[in-house]
N, C-alpha and C. Protein backbone atom coordinates (compact mmCIF):
# COMPACT_ATOMS: atom_id res chain seq x y z
N MET A 1 89.90 80.36 80.38
CA MET A 1 91.09 80.84 81.08
C MET A 1 90.96 80.76 82.60
N ARG A 2 89.77 80.37 83.08
CA ARG A 2 89.60 80.36 84.53
C ARG A 2 90.57 79.42 85.23
N TRP A 3 90.82 78.28 84.59
CA TRP A 3 91.71 77.31 85.24
C TRP A 3 93.12 77.86 85.40
N VAL A 4 93.52 78.77 84.49
CA VAL A 4 94.85 79.39 84.61
C VAL A 4 94.91 80.25 85.87
N TYR A 5 93.85 81.05 86.11
CA TYR A 5 93.83 81.90 87.30
C TYR A 5 93.76 81.05 88.57
N VAL A 6 92.98 79.98 88.54
CA VAL A 6 92.88 79.10 89.69
C VAL A 6 94.23 78.46 89.99
N ALA A 7 94.90 77.97 88.94
CA ALA A 7 96.21 77.35 89.12
C ALA A 7 97.22 78.35 89.67
N ALA A 8 97.17 79.60 89.19
CA ALA A 8 98.10 80.63 89.67
C ALA A 8 97.83 80.92 91.15
N ALA A 9 96.55 80.99 91.55
CA ALA A 9 96.22 81.25 92.95
C ALA A 9 96.69 80.11 93.85
N ILE A 10 96.50 78.88 93.39
CA ILE A 10 96.94 77.72 94.18
C ILE A 10 98.46 77.73 94.32
N ALA A 11 99.16 78.02 93.22
CA ALA A 11 100.63 78.07 93.26
C ALA A 11 101.11 79.14 94.23
N LEU A 12 100.41 80.29 94.26
CA LEU A 12 100.80 81.37 95.17
C LEU A 12 100.67 80.94 96.63
N TYR A 13 99.56 80.28 96.96
CA TYR A 13 99.37 79.83 98.35
C TYR A 13 100.37 78.74 98.73
N ILE A 14 100.69 77.84 97.78
CA ILE A 14 101.69 76.81 98.05
C ILE A 14 103.04 77.46 98.31
N GLN A 15 103.36 78.49 97.52
CA GLN A 15 104.63 79.19 97.71
C GLN A 15 104.73 79.77 99.11
N MET A 16 103.65 80.38 99.59
CA MET A 16 103.69 81.00 100.91
C MET A 16 103.84 79.96 102.02
N LEU A 17 103.35 78.74 101.78
CA LEU A 17 103.43 77.70 102.79
C LEU A 17 104.75 76.96 102.77
N VAL A 18 105.33 76.78 101.56
CA VAL A 18 106.48 75.90 101.40
C VAL A 18 107.80 76.64 101.38
N PHE A 19 107.88 77.74 100.62
CA PHE A 19 109.16 78.40 100.43
C PHE A 19 109.63 79.07 101.72
N PRO A 20 110.93 79.16 101.90
CA PRO A 20 111.45 79.71 103.15
C PRO A 20 111.17 81.20 103.28
N ASN A 21 111.01 81.63 104.52
CA ASN A 21 110.80 83.05 104.81
C ASN A 21 111.74 83.41 105.95
N PRO A 22 113.03 83.64 105.65
CA PRO A 22 114.02 83.84 106.71
C PRO A 22 113.71 85.07 107.55
N ALA A 23 113.87 84.92 108.86
CA ALA A 23 113.65 86.02 109.79
C ALA A 23 114.99 86.56 110.27
N ILE A 24 115.07 87.87 110.43
CA ILE A 24 116.31 88.51 110.86
C ILE A 24 116.05 89.25 112.16
N ASP A 25 116.99 89.15 113.07
CA ASP A 25 116.86 89.85 114.33
C ASP A 25 117.07 91.34 114.10
N THR A 26 116.03 92.13 114.26
CA THR A 26 116.10 93.56 113.96
C THR A 26 116.29 94.41 115.22
N ALA A 27 116.63 93.80 116.33
CA ALA A 27 116.67 94.54 117.60
C ALA A 27 117.88 95.46 117.69
N GLU A 28 119.00 95.09 117.04
CA GLU A 28 120.24 95.81 117.29
C GLU A 28 120.68 96.70 116.13
N LEU A 29 120.31 96.39 114.89
CA LEU A 29 120.83 97.12 113.75
C LEU A 29 119.77 98.04 113.15
N PRO A 30 120.17 99.24 112.66
CA PRO A 30 119.24 100.10 111.92
C PRO A 30 118.78 99.39 110.65
N MET A 31 117.63 99.82 110.11
CA MET A 31 117.02 99.14 108.98
C MET A 31 117.93 99.14 107.75
N VAL A 32 118.59 100.26 107.46
CA VAL A 32 119.46 100.32 106.27
C VAL A 32 120.58 99.31 106.39
N GLU A 33 121.19 99.23 107.57
CA GLU A 33 122.27 98.27 107.76
C GLU A 33 121.76 96.84 107.65
N LEU A 34 120.54 96.61 108.10
CA LEU A 34 119.95 95.27 107.96
C LEU A 34 119.78 94.89 106.49
N VAL A 35 119.31 95.85 105.68
CA VAL A 35 119.12 95.58 104.25
C VAL A 35 120.46 95.29 103.59
N VAL A 36 121.47 96.09 103.91
CA VAL A 36 122.81 95.88 103.34
C VAL A 36 123.36 94.52 103.76
N GLN A 37 123.20 94.18 105.03
CA GLN A 37 123.69 92.89 105.53
C GLN A 37 122.96 91.73 104.87
N ASP A 38 121.66 91.87 104.70
CA ASP A 38 120.85 90.79 104.14
C ASP A 38 121.11 90.59 102.65
N SER A 39 121.25 91.70 101.91
CA SER A 39 121.39 91.61 100.45
C SER A 39 122.84 91.47 100.00
N GLY A 40 123.79 91.98 100.77
CA GLY A 40 125.19 91.90 100.39
C GLY A 40 125.63 92.95 99.40
N VAL A 41 124.82 94.03 99.22
CA VAL A 41 125.19 95.11 98.31
C VAL A 41 125.24 96.41 99.08
N ALA A 42 126.14 97.30 98.64
CA ALA A 42 126.31 98.57 99.34
C ALA A 42 125.14 99.52 99.11
N ASN A 43 124.48 99.41 97.96
CA ASN A 43 123.33 100.26 97.65
C ASN A 43 122.08 99.61 98.24
N ALA A 44 121.62 100.16 99.37
CA ALA A 44 120.47 99.55 100.05
C ALA A 44 119.21 99.58 99.20
N VAL A 45 119.10 100.59 98.31
CA VAL A 45 117.91 100.67 97.44
C VAL A 45 117.85 99.46 96.52
N SER A 46 118.99 99.08 95.92
CA SER A 46 119.02 97.88 95.08
C SER A 46 118.68 96.64 95.88
N GLY A 47 119.15 96.60 97.13
CA GLY A 47 118.82 95.46 97.98
C GLY A 47 117.33 95.35 98.23
N ILE A 48 116.68 96.50 98.43
CA ILE A 48 115.23 96.49 98.66
C ILE A 48 114.48 96.07 97.39
N ILE A 49 114.87 96.66 96.25
CA ILE A 49 114.15 96.41 95.00
C ILE A 49 114.27 94.95 94.56
N PHE A 50 115.49 94.40 94.66
CA PHE A 50 115.73 93.07 94.10
C PHE A 50 115.77 91.96 95.15
N ARG A 51 115.45 92.29 96.40
CA ARG A 51 115.41 91.24 97.41
C ARG A 51 114.21 91.40 98.34
N ASN A 52 114.15 92.50 99.09
CA ASN A 52 113.07 92.66 100.06
C ASN A 52 111.70 92.81 99.41
N ARG A 53 111.65 93.47 98.25
CA ARG A 53 110.36 93.62 97.56
C ARG A 53 110.47 93.09 96.12
N LEU A 54 111.05 91.91 95.99
CA LEU A 54 111.24 91.32 94.68
C LEU A 54 109.92 90.99 93.99
N TYR A 55 108.91 90.64 94.80
CA TYR A 55 107.58 90.38 94.21
C TYR A 55 107.12 91.60 93.41
N ASP A 56 107.22 92.79 94.02
CA ASP A 56 106.79 94.01 93.35
C ASP A 56 107.59 94.24 92.08
N THR A 57 108.90 94.00 92.15
CA THR A 57 109.75 94.25 90.99
C THR A 57 109.40 93.32 89.83
N ILE A 58 109.08 92.07 90.13
CA ILE A 58 108.68 91.14 89.07
C ILE A 58 107.47 91.68 88.33
N PHE A 59 106.46 92.13 89.07
CA PHE A 59 105.24 92.60 88.41
C PHE A 59 105.44 93.96 87.76
N GLU A 60 106.38 94.76 88.24
CA GLU A 60 106.71 96.01 87.55
C GLU A 60 107.28 95.71 86.17
N VAL A 61 108.15 94.72 86.09
CA VAL A 61 108.71 94.33 84.79
C VAL A 61 107.62 93.78 83.88
N VAL A 62 106.73 92.97 84.45
CA VAL A 62 105.63 92.41 83.65
C VAL A 62 104.70 93.52 83.15
N VAL A 63 104.37 94.48 84.02
CA VAL A 63 103.50 95.59 83.61
C VAL A 63 104.15 96.40 82.50
N PHE A 64 105.44 96.66 82.61
CA PHE A 64 106.14 97.40 81.55
C PHE A 64 106.08 96.62 80.24
N THR A 65 106.25 95.31 80.30
CA THR A 65 106.17 94.48 79.10
C THR A 65 104.78 94.56 78.47
N ILE A 66 103.75 94.50 79.30
CA ILE A 66 102.38 94.59 78.79
C ILE A 66 102.13 95.96 78.17
N ALA A 67 102.71 97.02 78.76
CA ALA A 67 102.54 98.36 78.20
C ALA A 67 103.14 98.46 76.80
N ILE A 68 104.32 97.86 76.61
CA ILE A 68 104.94 97.86 75.28
C ILE A 68 104.06 97.11 74.28
N MET A 69 103.54 95.97 74.69
CA MET A 69 102.64 95.20 73.83
C MET A 69 101.38 96.00 73.50
N GLY A 70 100.88 96.76 74.49
CA GLY A 70 99.69 97.57 74.26
C GLY A 70 99.92 98.67 73.24
N VAL A 71 101.08 99.31 73.29
CA VAL A 71 101.40 100.34 72.29
C VAL A 71 101.40 99.75 70.89
N ARG A 72 102.04 98.60 70.74
CA ARG A 72 102.07 97.96 69.43
C ARG A 72 100.66 97.57 68.96
N PHE A 73 99.84 97.07 69.88
CA PHE A 73 98.49 96.63 69.53
C PHE A 73 97.61 97.81 69.13
N LEU A 74 97.66 98.89 69.90
CA LEU A 74 96.78 100.03 69.64
C LEU A 74 97.13 100.75 68.35
N LEU A 75 98.40 100.75 67.96
CA LEU A 75 98.81 101.46 66.75
C LEU A 75 98.95 100.55 65.53
N ALA A 76 98.66 99.26 65.72
CA ALA A 76 98.87 98.31 64.61
C ALA A 76 97.98 98.60 63.42
N ASP A 77 96.76 99.10 63.65
CA ASP A 77 95.82 99.33 62.55
C ASP A 77 95.96 100.71 61.92
N GLU A 78 96.81 101.56 62.47
CA GLU A 78 96.99 102.89 61.91
C GLU A 78 97.93 102.86 60.71
N GLN A 79 97.67 103.75 59.78
CA GLN A 79 98.55 103.86 58.61
C GLN A 79 99.86 104.54 59.01
N PRO A 80 100.97 104.08 58.46
CA PRO A 80 102.25 104.74 58.76
C PRO A 80 102.23 106.21 58.34
N SER A 81 102.88 107.03 59.11
CA SER A 81 102.92 108.46 58.82
C SER A 81 103.76 108.72 57.58
N CYS A 82 103.31 109.67 56.75
CA CYS A 82 104.06 110.01 55.54
C CYS A 82 105.21 110.96 55.84
N THR A 83 105.12 111.68 56.94
CA THR A 83 106.14 112.68 57.28
C THR A 83 106.81 112.30 58.59
N ILE A 84 108.12 112.24 58.58
CA ILE A 84 108.91 111.96 59.78
C ILE A 84 109.60 113.25 60.20
N TYR A 85 109.31 113.72 61.41
CA TYR A 85 109.90 114.96 61.90
C TYR A 85 111.20 114.65 62.63
N GLN A 86 112.29 115.24 62.15
CA GLN A 86 113.60 115.01 62.75
C GLN A 86 114.41 116.29 62.73
N PHE A 87 115.48 116.30 63.52
CA PHE A 87 116.41 117.42 63.45
C PHE A 87 117.15 117.38 62.11
N ASP A 88 117.30 118.55 61.49
CA ASP A 88 118.04 118.58 60.23
C ASP A 88 119.17 119.60 60.23
N ASP A 89 119.27 120.40 61.32
CA ASP A 89 120.38 121.37 61.38
C ASP A 89 121.56 120.73 62.09
N ALA A 90 122.74 121.03 61.61
CA ALA A 90 123.96 120.38 62.10
C ALA A 90 124.20 120.56 63.60
N PRO A 91 124.04 121.76 64.19
CA PRO A 91 124.28 121.90 65.64
C PRO A 91 123.38 120.99 66.48
N SER A 92 122.09 120.91 66.11
CA SER A 92 121.16 120.07 66.88
C SER A 92 121.53 118.60 66.77
N ILE A 93 121.95 118.18 65.56
CA ILE A 93 122.34 116.78 65.37
C ILE A 93 123.57 116.44 66.20
N VAL A 94 124.56 117.33 66.17
CA VAL A 94 125.79 117.08 66.94
C VAL A 94 125.48 117.01 68.44
N LEU A 95 124.68 117.95 68.94
CA LEU A 95 124.35 117.96 70.37
C LEU A 95 123.54 116.73 70.76
N ALA A 96 122.59 116.34 69.91
CA ALA A 96 121.76 115.18 70.23
C ALA A 96 122.60 113.90 70.27
N ARG A 97 123.49 113.75 69.33
CA ARG A 97 124.32 112.54 69.30
C ARG A 97 125.35 112.55 70.43
N LEU A 98 125.85 113.73 70.78
CA LEU A 98 126.73 113.81 71.95
C LEU A 98 125.98 113.42 73.21
N GLY A 99 124.75 113.92 73.34
CA GLY A 99 123.92 113.53 74.48
C GLY A 99 123.62 112.04 74.50
N ALA A 100 123.41 111.46 73.29
CA ALA A 100 123.15 110.02 73.20
C ALA A 100 124.36 109.22 73.67
N THR A 101 125.55 109.67 73.30
CA THR A 101 126.77 108.98 73.72
C THR A 101 126.92 109.02 75.24
N ILE A 102 126.69 110.21 75.82
CA ILE A 102 126.81 110.34 77.28
C ILE A 102 125.75 109.49 77.98
N ALA A 103 124.52 109.53 77.47
CA ALA A 103 123.44 108.75 78.08
C ALA A 103 123.73 107.25 77.99
N ALA A 104 124.29 106.79 76.87
CA ALA A 104 124.62 105.37 76.72
C ALA A 104 125.71 104.95 77.71
N LEU A 105 126.72 105.79 77.89
CA LEU A 105 127.78 105.47 78.84
C LEU A 105 127.23 105.45 80.27
N VAL A 106 126.36 106.41 80.59
CA VAL A 106 125.75 106.43 81.92
C VAL A 106 124.90 105.19 82.13
N SER A 107 124.19 104.76 81.08
CA SER A 107 123.36 103.56 81.18
C SER A 107 124.20 102.33 81.51
N ILE A 108 125.33 102.18 80.84
CA ILE A 108 126.20 101.03 81.10
C ILE A 108 126.75 101.08 82.52
N GLU A 109 127.16 102.28 82.95
CA GLU A 109 127.70 102.43 84.31
C GLU A 109 126.65 102.09 85.35
N LEU A 110 125.41 102.59 85.18
CA LEU A 110 124.35 102.35 86.15
C LEU A 110 123.97 100.87 86.19
N ALA A 111 124.00 100.20 85.03
CA ALA A 111 123.64 98.79 85.00
C ALA A 111 124.68 97.92 85.68
N ILE A 112 125.95 98.21 85.44
CA ILE A 112 127.02 97.37 85.97
C ILE A 112 127.30 97.64 87.45
N ARG A 113 127.23 98.92 87.84
CA ARG A 113 127.59 99.30 89.21
C ARG A 113 126.40 99.80 90.02
N GLY A 114 125.19 99.51 89.56
CA GLY A 114 124.01 100.00 90.26
C GLY A 114 123.84 99.44 91.65
N HIS A 115 124.46 98.29 91.94
CA HIS A 115 124.34 97.72 93.29
C HIS A 115 125.39 98.29 94.24
N LEU A 116 126.28 99.14 93.73
CA LEU A 116 127.33 99.73 94.57
C LEU A 116 127.12 101.21 94.81
N SER A 117 126.43 101.88 93.90
CA SER A 117 126.25 103.32 93.98
C SER A 117 124.83 103.66 93.54
N PRO A 118 124.39 104.92 93.70
CA PRO A 118 123.05 105.28 93.24
C PRO A 118 122.84 104.92 91.78
N GLY A 119 121.72 104.31 91.49
CA GLY A 119 121.44 103.85 90.13
C GLY A 119 120.74 102.51 90.18
N GLY A 120 120.92 101.73 89.15
CA GLY A 120 120.29 100.42 89.10
C GLY A 120 119.67 100.15 87.74
N GLY A 121 118.96 99.03 87.64
CA GLY A 121 118.45 98.57 86.36
C GLY A 121 117.46 99.51 85.71
N PHE A 122 116.49 100.03 86.48
CA PHE A 122 115.47 100.89 85.90
C PHE A 122 116.07 102.22 85.43
N ALA A 123 116.92 102.81 86.25
CA ALA A 123 117.59 104.05 85.85
C ALA A 123 118.47 103.83 84.64
N ALA A 124 119.18 102.71 84.61
CA ALA A 124 120.03 102.40 83.46
C ALA A 124 119.20 102.22 82.19
N GLY A 125 118.04 101.55 82.32
CA GLY A 125 117.18 101.37 81.16
C GLY A 125 116.64 102.69 80.63
N VAL A 126 116.27 103.60 81.54
CA VAL A 126 115.79 104.92 81.11
C VAL A 126 116.89 105.69 80.39
N ALA A 127 118.11 105.63 80.93
CA ALA A 127 119.23 106.30 80.26
C ALA A 127 119.50 105.69 78.88
N GLY A 128 119.42 104.36 78.79
CA GLY A 128 119.60 103.71 77.49
C GLY A 128 118.50 104.08 76.51
N GLY A 129 117.25 104.13 76.98
CA GLY A 129 116.15 104.55 76.11
C GLY A 129 116.30 105.99 75.65
N THR A 130 116.82 106.85 76.54
CA THR A 130 117.07 108.24 76.16
C THR A 130 118.11 108.32 75.06
N ALA A 131 119.18 107.53 75.18
CA ALA A 131 120.20 107.51 74.14
C ALA A 131 119.62 107.07 72.80
N ILE A 132 118.79 106.03 72.83
CA ILE A 132 118.18 105.53 71.59
C ILE A 132 117.25 106.59 70.99
N GLY A 133 116.48 107.28 71.85
CA GLY A 133 115.58 108.33 71.37
C GLY A 133 116.34 109.47 70.71
N LEU A 134 117.46 109.88 71.30
CA LEU A 134 118.26 110.96 70.72
C LEU A 134 118.84 110.56 69.37
N VAL A 135 119.24 109.30 69.24
CA VAL A 135 119.73 108.83 67.94
C VAL A 135 118.59 108.78 66.93
N ALA A 136 117.40 108.37 67.39
CA ALA A 136 116.26 108.21 66.48
C ALA A 136 115.83 109.53 65.85
N ILE A 137 115.91 110.64 66.60
CA ILE A 137 115.45 111.92 66.05
C ILE A 137 116.52 112.60 65.21
N THR A 138 117.67 111.94 65.04
CA THR A 138 118.71 112.52 64.18
C THR A 138 119.13 111.55 63.07
N SER A 139 118.45 110.40 62.95
CA SER A 139 118.84 109.37 61.99
C SER A 139 117.64 108.92 61.17
N SER A 140 117.93 108.20 60.11
CA SER A 140 116.89 107.65 59.27
C SER A 140 116.09 106.59 60.02
N SER A 141 114.75 106.65 59.91
CA SER A 141 113.91 105.67 60.58
C SER A 141 114.12 104.27 59.99
N GLN A 142 114.39 104.21 58.67
CA GLN A 142 114.67 102.91 58.04
C GLN A 142 115.95 102.29 58.60
N TRP A 143 116.94 103.14 58.84
CA TRP A 143 118.20 102.65 59.41
C TRP A 143 117.98 102.14 60.83
N MET A 144 117.18 102.87 61.61
CA MET A 144 116.89 102.42 62.98
C MET A 144 116.14 101.10 62.97
N GLU A 145 115.18 100.93 62.06
CA GLU A 145 114.44 99.68 61.94
C GLU A 145 115.37 98.53 61.56
N ALA A 146 116.28 98.80 60.63
CA ALA A 146 117.20 97.76 60.18
C ALA A 146 118.12 97.30 61.31
N ILE A 147 118.62 98.26 62.09
CA ILE A 147 119.47 97.92 63.24
C ILE A 147 118.69 97.11 64.26
N TYR A 148 117.45 97.51 64.52
CA TYR A 148 116.60 96.80 65.49
C TYR A 148 116.40 95.34 65.08
N LYS A 149 116.16 95.11 63.78
CA LYS A 149 115.94 93.75 63.30
C LYS A 149 117.26 92.97 63.23
N ARG A 150 118.33 93.62 62.83
CA ARG A 150 119.62 92.93 62.70
C ARG A 150 120.11 92.41 64.05
N TRP A 151 119.91 93.18 65.10
CA TRP A 151 120.34 92.76 66.43
C TRP A 151 119.31 91.89 67.14
N ARG A 152 118.19 91.59 66.45
CA ARG A 152 117.12 90.78 67.02
C ARG A 152 116.71 91.32 68.40
N ALA A 153 116.50 92.64 68.43
CA ALA A 153 116.21 93.30 69.70
C ALA A 153 114.90 92.82 70.31
N ALA A 154 113.90 92.54 69.47
CA ALA A 154 112.61 92.08 69.99
C ALA A 154 112.76 90.74 70.71
N THR A 155 113.52 89.83 70.10
CA THR A 155 113.76 88.53 70.74
C THR A 155 114.57 88.69 72.02
N LEU A 156 115.59 89.53 71.96
CA LEU A 156 116.44 89.76 73.12
C LEU A 156 115.65 90.35 74.28
N GLU A 157 114.70 91.24 73.97
CA GLU A 157 113.85 91.81 75.01
C GLU A 157 113.03 90.74 75.71
N LYS A 158 112.42 89.85 74.93
CA LYS A 158 111.60 88.79 75.53
C LYS A 158 112.45 87.82 76.34
N VAL A 159 113.63 87.47 75.82
CA VAL A 159 114.52 86.55 76.54
C VAL A 159 114.97 87.15 77.87
N SER A 160 115.27 88.46 77.87
CA SER A 160 115.70 89.11 79.11
C SER A 160 114.61 89.07 80.17
N VAL A 161 113.35 89.22 79.75
CA VAL A 161 112.23 89.14 80.71
C VAL A 161 112.12 87.74 81.28
N LEU A 162 112.21 86.73 80.41
CA LEU A 162 112.08 85.34 80.88
C LEU A 162 113.21 84.98 81.83
N ILE A 163 114.44 85.37 81.50
CA ILE A 163 115.57 85.07 82.38
C ILE A 163 115.40 85.78 83.72
N PHE A 164 114.94 87.03 83.66
CA PHE A 164 114.71 87.79 84.91
C PHE A 164 113.71 87.06 85.80
N ILE A 165 112.60 86.60 85.22
CA ILE A 165 111.58 85.93 86.01
C ILE A 165 112.12 84.63 86.59
N VAL A 166 112.89 83.87 85.81
CA VAL A 166 113.45 82.60 86.30
C VAL A 166 114.39 82.86 87.48
N ILE A 167 115.29 83.83 87.33
CA ILE A 167 116.24 84.13 88.41
C ILE A 167 115.50 84.65 89.64
N ALA A 168 114.48 85.49 89.42
CA ALA A 168 113.70 86.01 90.55
C ALA A 168 113.01 84.88 91.31
N VAL A 169 112.45 83.92 90.58
CA VAL A 169 111.80 82.78 91.23
C VAL A 169 112.81 81.96 92.02
N LEU A 170 113.99 81.73 91.44
CA LEU A 170 115.04 81.00 92.16
C LEU A 170 115.42 81.73 93.45
N SER A 171 115.51 83.05 93.36
CA SER A 171 115.85 83.83 94.55
C SER A 171 114.75 83.74 95.61
N LEU A 172 113.50 83.79 95.18
CA LEU A 172 112.39 83.68 96.12
C LEU A 172 112.31 82.29 96.75
N MET A 173 112.81 81.29 96.04
CA MET A 173 112.83 79.92 96.58
C MET A 173 113.98 79.71 97.57
N GLY A 174 114.85 80.70 97.67
CA GLY A 174 115.97 80.59 98.61
C GLY A 174 117.26 80.11 97.98
N LEU A 175 117.30 79.98 96.64
CA LEU A 175 118.52 79.56 95.95
C LEU A 175 119.33 80.80 95.61
N GLU A 176 120.37 81.07 96.37
CA GLU A 176 121.15 82.29 96.23
C GLU A 176 122.58 81.99 95.78
N LEU A 177 123.14 82.94 95.03
CA LEU A 177 124.57 82.90 94.74
C LEU A 177 125.33 83.45 95.93
N PRO A 178 126.62 83.15 96.04
CA PRO A 178 127.41 83.75 97.13
C PRO A 178 127.38 85.27 97.04
N THR A 179 127.23 85.94 98.18
CA THR A 179 127.12 87.39 98.17
C THR A 179 128.46 88.08 97.90
N GLY A 180 129.57 87.38 98.10
CA GLY A 180 130.87 87.99 97.85
C GLY A 180 131.22 89.03 98.90
N GLU A 181 132.27 89.79 98.61
CA GLU A 181 132.73 90.82 99.56
C GLU A 181 131.95 92.10 99.33
N LEU A 182 131.40 92.64 100.40
CA LEU A 182 130.59 93.85 100.33
C LEU A 182 131.40 95.00 99.73
N GLY A 183 130.82 95.68 98.73
CA GLY A 183 131.47 96.83 98.12
C GLY A 183 132.26 96.51 96.86
N THR A 184 132.40 95.23 96.52
CA THR A 184 133.12 94.86 95.30
C THR A 184 132.13 94.68 94.15
N LEU A 185 132.65 94.66 92.93
CA LEU A 185 131.79 94.57 91.76
C LEU A 185 131.03 93.25 91.74
N VAL A 186 131.72 92.16 92.09
CA VAL A 186 131.06 90.85 92.13
C VAL A 186 130.58 90.60 93.56
N SER A 187 129.44 91.14 93.86
CA SER A 187 128.86 90.97 95.20
C SER A 187 127.34 91.07 95.06
N GLY A 188 126.64 90.60 96.08
CA GLY A 188 125.19 90.73 96.07
C GLY A 188 124.44 89.57 95.45
N GLY A 189 125.12 88.47 95.15
CA GLY A 189 124.43 87.32 94.59
C GLY A 189 123.82 87.60 93.23
N TRP A 190 122.48 87.42 93.14
CA TRP A 190 121.78 87.61 91.86
C TRP A 190 121.59 89.08 91.50
N ILE A 191 121.73 90.00 92.44
CA ILE A 191 121.32 91.39 92.23
C ILE A 191 122.02 92.06 91.05
N PRO A 192 123.35 91.96 90.87
CA PRO A 192 123.97 92.60 89.70
C PRO A 192 123.40 92.08 88.38
N LEU A 193 123.15 90.78 88.29
CA LEU A 193 122.58 90.22 87.06
C LEU A 193 121.15 90.71 86.84
N LEU A 194 120.37 90.78 87.91
CA LEU A 194 119.01 91.31 87.79
C LEU A 194 119.02 92.76 87.34
N ASN A 195 119.96 93.54 87.85
CA ASN A 195 120.10 94.93 87.41
C ASN A 195 120.32 95.01 85.91
N ILE A 196 121.24 94.21 85.39
CA ILE A 196 121.57 94.24 83.96
C ILE A 196 120.37 93.80 83.13
N LEU A 197 119.66 92.78 83.57
CA LEU A 197 118.49 92.29 82.82
C LEU A 197 117.39 93.34 82.77
N VAL A 198 117.13 94.02 83.88
CA VAL A 198 116.11 95.06 83.89
C VAL A 198 116.53 96.21 82.98
N ALA A 199 117.80 96.60 83.04
CA ALA A 199 118.28 97.68 82.17
C ALA A 199 118.09 97.31 80.70
N LEU A 200 118.42 96.08 80.36
CA LEU A 200 118.28 95.62 78.98
C LEU A 200 116.81 95.64 78.55
N LYS A 201 115.95 95.15 79.43
CA LYS A 201 114.52 95.10 79.12
C LYS A 201 113.95 96.50 78.89
N VAL A 202 114.23 97.42 79.81
CA VAL A 202 113.67 98.77 79.71
C VAL A 202 114.20 99.50 78.48
N ALA A 203 115.49 99.39 78.21
CA ALA A 203 116.08 100.07 77.06
C ALA A 203 115.52 99.53 75.75
N LEU A 204 115.43 98.20 75.62
CA LEU A 204 114.91 97.61 74.39
C LEU A 204 113.41 97.87 74.23
N GLY A 205 112.69 97.86 75.34
CA GLY A 205 111.26 98.20 75.28
C GLY A 205 111.05 99.64 74.84
N ALA A 206 111.88 100.55 75.36
CA ALA A 206 111.80 101.95 74.92
C ALA A 206 112.12 102.07 73.43
N TRP A 207 113.10 101.32 72.96
CA TRP A 207 113.47 101.33 71.54
C TRP A 207 112.27 100.90 70.69
N ALA A 208 111.62 99.82 71.08
CA ALA A 208 110.46 99.34 70.32
C ALA A 208 109.35 100.38 70.29
N THR A 209 109.09 101.03 71.42
CA THR A 209 108.04 102.05 71.49
C THR A 209 108.39 103.26 70.62
N ILE A 210 109.63 103.68 70.67
CA ILE A 210 110.08 104.81 69.86
C ILE A 210 109.87 104.53 68.37
N LEU A 211 110.24 103.34 67.93
CA LEU A 211 110.08 102.99 66.52
C LEU A 211 108.61 102.99 66.10
N VAL A 212 107.74 102.47 66.99
CA VAL A 212 106.31 102.43 66.67
C VAL A 212 105.74 103.83 66.52
N PHE A 213 106.09 104.72 67.44
CA PHE A 213 105.55 106.08 67.38
C PHE A 213 106.12 106.84 66.17
N ILE A 214 107.37 106.65 65.84
CA ILE A 214 107.93 107.30 64.67
C ILE A 214 107.25 106.80 63.40
N ARG A 215 107.02 105.49 63.35
CA ARG A 215 106.41 104.90 62.15
C ARG A 215 104.98 105.37 61.94
N HIS A 216 104.21 105.45 63.02
CA HIS A 216 102.78 105.71 62.89
C HIS A 216 102.38 107.16 63.18
N ARG A 217 103.21 107.89 63.90
CA ARG A 217 102.86 109.27 64.25
C ARG A 217 103.84 110.29 63.65
N GLY A 218 104.98 109.82 63.18
CA GLY A 218 105.94 110.72 62.56
C GLY A 218 106.87 111.41 63.54
N LEU A 219 106.65 111.23 64.84
CA LEU A 219 107.50 111.84 65.84
C LEU A 219 107.32 111.08 67.16
N LEU A 220 108.19 111.39 68.11
CA LEU A 220 108.14 110.69 69.39
C LEU A 220 106.97 111.20 70.23
């Protein structure tokens, strides 16, 4: 595997030498306004995450992916739990599913409008994972497994990571979409799409982890 690491190091140095590194005159504008101007999104935090520190964000997504793989690997040899602990009283089930509905709606809102208001892909993914967890503790584990397989969630999770990395590399190479009008839904170039991909990845990864822990430990 040494040649893989050597090739990656060489590619990194070539990137630093070849790819553009645009400079911005910072003498007149405050930093937040500079980030908004550079990224084209009203939420400066999204601009920083998906543009100014995109390298960090790429590896955060990769680390999260490796963590999900690690959970599956570490629990693969354990016997499935014979007892599944879930809510069985009607008030708790109703409240949990109501909370899941609210969390799912918040997740969609944060993913779609995260570049305009507080929120973004990671927050949206956490909200989506929370919704899935609340459904999991009030529903049959077999039903949850069947839904996961029917929607090909595992494949969709991997595809979302690959698309995210491809778009991030294109952005780092200087290939940008039009930023659009500041403050509108279609603005910020790649950033809205990156938000949605991260939200999808985090939510589906949380779903996979929840299923593994329920199967092998009987609870979350």
